């Protein structure tokens, strides 16, 4: 069950922002949001999800923009992005409603943007 949770978390939480051109049409229910949030409380699941997230492709342009936005060197962008995004999800900084808005508009909420910046 842990591996499937990791894959779902990777696909739905982190990949849409990292991947350059993808069509993610599946949206979690509120129950799934809570379930996977709870799964990330397991350090093994959390760390494997970060590792899988970091392996996702990202364009050079996106890498550069995130580097500036996040105030981190380009080699650290993917890991920091993944950790910050997942931390915001687990801590409740990003709410389910913000997730729904992001899924439909592809625009990060203020709280998600601040989390990505490391605030």
Protein backbone atom coordinates (compact mmCIF):
# COMPACT_ATOMS: atom_id res chain seq x y z
CA UNK A 1 0.00 0.00 0.00
CA UNK A 2 2.84 2.41 0.69
CA UNK A 3 4.21 2.29 -2.86
CA UNK A 4 0.81 3.05 -4.35
CA UNK A 5 0.40 5.96 -1.95
CA UNK A 6 3.80 7.29 -2.99
CA UNK A 7 2.93 7.08 -6.68
CA UNK A 8 -0.42 8.79 -6.24
CA UNK A 9 1.13 11.53 -4.12
CA UNK A 10 3.84 12.07 -6.69
CA UNK A 11 1.44 12.28 -9.60
CA UNK A 12 -1.17 14.51 -8.00
CA UNK A 13 0.79 16.79 -5.66
CA UNK A 14 4.23 17.38 -7.07
CA UNK A 15 4.33 16.37 -10.72
CA UNK A 16 1.87 18.92 -12.16
CA UNK A 17 4.08 21.80 -11.14
CA UNK A 18 7.37 20.19 -12.14
CA UNK A 19 6.36 18.60 -15.41
CA UNK A 20 6.62 20.92 -18.37
CA UNK A 21 3.62 19.86 -20.42
CA UNK A 22 1.23 17.39 -18.89
CA UNK A 23 -2.50 16.91 -18.83
CA UNK A 24 -3.59 15.99 -15.31
CA UNK A 25 -7.34 15.67 -15.32
CA UNK A 26 -7.82 13.57 -12.17
CA UNK A 27 -8.67 15.47 -8.99
CA UNK A 28 -8.66 13.95 -5.51
CA UNK A 29 -11.80 13.82 -3.42
CA UNK A 30 -11.60 15.42 0.01
CA UNK A 31 -11.35 11.93 1.55
CA UNK A 32 -8.39 11.07 -0.69
CA UNK A 33 -6.76 14.39 0.19
CA UNK A 34 -6.94 13.50 3.87
CA UNK A 35 -5.87 9.90 3.35
CA UNK A 36 -2.72 10.74 1.39
CA UNK A 37 -1.91 13.61 3.71
CA UNK A 38 -1.98 11.09 6.54
CA UNK A 39 0.22 8.66 4.57
CA UNK A 40 2.95 11.31 4.33
CA UNK A 41 3.29 11.33 8.11
CA UNK A 42 5.30 8.12 7.65
CA UNK A 43 8.92 9.32 7.15
CA UNK A 44 9.63 6.46 4.71
CA UNK A 45 6.69 7.41 2.52
CA UNK A 46 7.57 11.10 2.74
CA UNK A 47 11.22 10.57 1.78
CA UNK A 48 10.40 8.20 -1.07
CA UNK A 49 7.84 10.67 -2.37
CA UNK A 50 10.45 13.45 -2.31
CA UNK A 51 12.93 11.21 -4.14
CA UNK A 52 10.34 10.30 -6.79
CA UNK A 53 9.31 13.92 -7.13
CA UNK A 54 12.92 15.00 -7.69
CA UNK A 55 13.24 12.53 -10.56
CA UNK A 56 10.48 14.24 -12.58
CA UNK A 57 11.51 16.16 -15.70
CA UNK A 58 11.62 19.94 -15.70
CA UNK A 59 12.50 22.31 -18.50
CA UNK A 60 15.55 24.54 -18.22
CA UNK A 61 13.27 27.58 -18.42
CA UNK A 62 11.10 26.36 -15.53
CA UNK A 63 14.20 25.46 -13.54
CA UNK A 64 15.57 28.98 -13.99
CA UNK A 65 12.27 30.65 -13.06
CA UNK A 66 11.86 28.49 -9.97
CA UNK A 67 15.46 29.14 -8.95
CA UNK A 68 14.80 32.89 -8.94
CA UNK A 69 11.36 32.56 -7.31
CA UNK A 70 12.60 30.19 -4.61
CA UNK A 71 15.93 31.95 -4.00
CA UNK A 72 17.89 28.70 -4.34
CA UNK A 73 20.61 27.62 -6.80
CA UNK A 74 19.36 25.66 -9.81
CA UNK A 75 20.87 22.34 -8.62
CA UNK A 76 18.77 22.57 -5.44
CA UNK A 77 15.47 23.61 -7.04
CA UNK A 78 13.87 20.20 -7.55
CA UNK A 79 14.59 18.88 -4.06
CA UNK A 80 13.60 22.11 -2.33
CA UNK A 81 10.46 22.46 -4.45
CA UNK A 82 9.39 18.90 -3.63
CA UNK A 83 10.10 19.24 0.08
CA UNK A 84 8.42 22.62 0.39
CA UNK A 85 5.34 21.57 -1.57
CA UNK A 86 4.88 18.35 0.37
CA UNK A 87 5.53 20.08 3.68
CA UNK A 88 2.84 22.65 2.84
CA UNK A 89 0.43 19.82 2.05
CA UNK A 90 1.20 17.80 5.19
CA UNK A 91 1.16 20.81 7.52
CA UNK A 92 -2.17 22.05 6.21
CA UNK A 93 -0.65 25.27 4.87
CA UNK A 94 -2.31 24.41 1.57
CA UNK A 95 -5.97 23.56 2.00
CA UNK A 96 -8.14 21.24 -0.04
CA UNK A 97 -9.97 24.24 -1.51
CA UNK A 98 -6.66 25.75 -2.63
CA UNK A 99 -5.76 22.42 -4.20
CA UNK A 100 -9.05 22.42 -6.13
CA UNK A 101 -8.43 25.98 -7.33
CA UNK A 102 -4.90 25.06 -8.43
CA UNK A 103 -6.16 21.98 -10.27
CA UNK A 104 -8.70 24.01 -12.22
CA UNK A 105 -6.73 27.23 -12.84
CA UNK A 106 -3.07 26.10 -12.60
CA UNK A 107 -2.43 29.20 -10.49
CA UNK A 108 -0.85 28.73 -7.07
CA UNK A 109 -2.59 30.29 -4.08
CA UNK A 110 -0.71 32.84 -2.00
CA UNK A 111 -0.06 30.23 0.69
CA UNK A 112 1.30 27.70 -1.82
CA UNK A 113 3.47 30.33 -3.47
CA UNK A 114 4.83 31.41 -0.07
CA UNK A 115 5.51 27.77 0.84
CA UNK A 116 7.40 27.23 -2.41
CA UNK A 117 9.45 30.32 -1.59
CA UNK A 118 10.27 28.81 1.80
CA UNK A 119 8.23 31.15 4.01
